[in-house]
Structure formats: structure tokens, C-alpha cells
Amino acid sequence: MNQTVENLIGPAAACQMLSIDRSSLLRGINDGIVPAYRIGTAIRFRPSELRHPSLSGLTEYYRKIDEEFAA
């Protein structure tokens, strides 16, 4: 059995990887869009899960939602 170990990353690295701001990352976690893991009080992410194409453009997605809500 061949298992690979993946290092988890923190929120700052996740934001950089996804090219989003922290508020979009937190909204994505709360909405169940961004997979995250709580370890004690820390939130961590698997880089392989953040590479999913559905996560690109998350900031733009929330901007459209906010514009529709404000209209």
C-alpha cells in the first residue's frame, strides 16, 4: 500500500493559492464551497483540494452575489 502524506497549509497560503482575499475564503468555508479542516483552533487546508477548478473565481462569485443582494 502506497500512501502519500500531504502537508496542510494555513489560511494565508490558501488565499494566495486561490488568489482570493480572506473574507472570500471564510465565506467559502462557511458556505461549504472551500474544504477546510479544524485542528484545535487552527483552520488548515489540503493544497490538492484547493486546486479544484470550481474554486477559481471565488471572489468574483461573491461580488456578483453581493451586487444582486444590494439591488
C-alpha atoms as a PDB file:
ATOM      1  CA  MET A   1       0.000   0.000   0.000  1.00  0.00           C
ATOM      2  CA  ASN A   2       1.489   3.329  -1.079  1.00  0.00           C
ATOM      3  CA  GLN A   3       0.223   6.348   0.842  1.00  0.00           C
ATOM      4  CA  THR A   4       1.451   9.880   0.330  1.00  0.00           C
ATOM      5  CA  VAL A   5       1.476  12.446   3.086  1.00  0.00           C
ATOM      6  CA  GLU A   6       0.294  15.919   2.177  1.00  0.00           C
ATOM      7  CA  ASN A   7       1.312  18.919   4.253  1.00  0.00           C
ATOM      8  CA  LEU A   8      -1.592  21.106   5.285  1.00  0.00           C
ATOM      9  CA  ILE A   9      -1.445  24.867   4.736  1.00  0.00           C
ATOM     10  CA  GLY A  10      -2.874  27.815   6.644  1.00  0.00           C
ATOM     11  CA  PRO A  11      -5.367  30.484   5.561  1.00  0.00           C
ATOM     12  CA  ALA A  12      -2.759  32.939   4.229  1.00  0.00           C
ATOM     13  CA  ALA A  13      -1.269  30.325   1.903  1.00  0.00           C
ATOM     14  CA  ALA A  14      -4.760  29.195   0.859  1.00  0.00           C
ATOM     15  CA  CYS A  15      -5.705  32.785  -0.036  1.00  0.00           C
ATOM     16  CA  GLN A  16      -2.548  33.146  -2.068  1.00  0.00           C
ATOM     17  CA  MET A  17      -3.094  29.819  -3.805  1.00  0.00           C
ATOM     18  CA  LEU A  18      -6.687  30.686  -4.725  1.00  0.00           C
ATOM     19  CA  SER A  19      -5.929  34.382  -5.445  1.00  0.00           C
ATOM     20  CA  ILE A  20      -8.720  35.477  -3.115  1.00  0.00           C
ATOM     21  CA  ASP A  21      -8.987  37.676  -0.049  1.00  0.00           C
ATOM     22  CA  ARG A  22      -9.502  36.374   3.464  1.00  0.00           C
ATOM     23  CA  SER A  23     -13.188  37.331   3.616  1.00  0.00           C
ATOM     24  CA  SER A  24     -13.932  35.328   0.449  1.00  0.00           C
ATOM     25  CA  LEU A  25     -12.041  32.367   1.895  1.00  0.00           C
ATOM     26  CA  LEU A  26     -14.056  32.489   5.118  1.00  0.00           C
ATOM     27  CA  ARG A  27     -17.332  32.849   3.218  1.00  0.00           C
ATOM     28  CA  GLY A  28     -16.360  29.875   1.071  1.00  0.00           C
ATOM     29  CA  ILE A  29     -15.687  27.783   4.164  1.00  0.00           C
ATOM     30  CA  ASN A  30     -18.976  28.810   5.801  1.00  0.00           C
ATOM     31  CA  ASP A  31     -20.914  28.099   2.590  1.00  0.00           C
ATOM     32  CA  GLY A  32     -19.321  24.666   2.259  1.00  0.00           C
ATOM     33  CA  ILE A  33     -17.551  25.545  -1.007  1.00  0.00           C
ATOM     34  CA  VAL A  34     -13.973  25.521   0.288  1.00  0.00           C
ATOM     35  CA  PRO A  35     -12.914  22.312   2.058  1.00  0.00           C
ATOM     36  CA  ALA A  36     -11.226  23.087   5.371  1.00  0.00           C
ATOM     37  CA  TYR A  37     -10.147  21.203   8.469  1.00  0.00           C
ATOM     38  CA  ARG A  38     -10.166  22.442  12.032  1.00  0.00           C
ATOM     39  CA  ILE A  39      -7.247  21.251  14.120  1.00  0.00           C
ATOM     40  CA  GLY A  40      -7.720  22.646  17.589  1.00  0.00           C
ATOM     41  CA  THR A  41      -8.363  26.332  16.975  1.00  0.00           C
ATOM     42  CA  ALA A  42      -6.482  26.392  13.654  1.00  0.00           C
ATOM     43  CA  ILE A  43      -8.041  26.080  10.208  1.00  0.00           C
ATOM     44  CA  ARG A  44      -5.976  24.148   7.667  1.00  0.00           C
ATOM     45  CA  PHE A  45      -6.344  23.196   4.008  1.00  0.00           C
ATOM     46  CA  ARG A  46      -5.136  20.450   1.685  1.00  0.00           C
ATOM     47  CA  PRO A  47      -3.459  22.058  -1.347  1.00  0.00           C
ATOM     48  CA  SER A  48      -4.653  19.227  -3.603  1.00  0.00           C
ATOM     49  CA  GLU A  49      -8.277  20.056  -2.730  1.00  0.00           C
ATOM     50  CA  LEU A  50      -7.761  23.768  -3.379  1.00  0.00           C
ATOM     51  CA  ARG A  51      -6.612  23.059  -6.945  1.00  0.00           C
ATOM     52  CA  HIS A  52     -10.143  22.049  -7.959  1.00  0.00           C
ATOM     53  CA  PRO A  53     -11.338  24.216 -10.900  1.00  0.00           C
ATOM     54  CA  SER A  54     -14.614  25.075  -9.182  1.00  0.00           C
ATOM     55  CA  LEU A  55     -12.702  27.194  -6.657  1.00  0.00           C
ATOM     56  CA  SER A  56     -11.216  29.597  -9.210  1.00  0.00           C
ATOM     57  CA  GLY A  57     -13.019  32.934  -9.323  1.00  0.00           C
ATOM     58  CA  LEU A  58     -14.457  32.703  -5.823  1.00  0.00           C
ATOM     59  CA  THR A  59     -14.053  36.448  -5.177  1.00  0.00           C
ATOM     60  CA  GLU A  60     -15.925  37.278  -8.392  1.00  0.00           C
ATOM     61  CA  TYR A  61     -18.669  34.813  -7.430  1.00  0.00           C
ATOM     62  CA  TYR A  62     -19.248  36.562  -4.104  1.00  0.00           C
ATOM     63  CA  ARG A  63     -19.061  40.006  -5.708  1.00  0.00           C
ATOM     64  CA  LYS A  64     -21.943  39.063  -8.036  1.00  0.00           C
ATOM     65  CA  ILE A  65     -23.974  37.713  -5.114  1.00  0.00           C
ATOM     66  CA  ASP A  66     -23.404  40.929  -3.146  1.00  0.00           C
ATOM     67  CA  GLU A  67     -24.411  43.084  -6.143  1.00  0.00           C
ATOM     68  CA  GLU A  68     -27.619  41.095  -6.635  1.00  0.00           C
ATOM     69  CA  PHE A  69     -28.423  41.363  -2.936  1.00  0.00           C
ATOM     70  CA  ALA A  70     -27.838  45.134  -2.920  1.00  0.00           C
ATOM     71  CA  ALA A  71     -30.051  45.733  -5.984  1.00  0.00           C
END
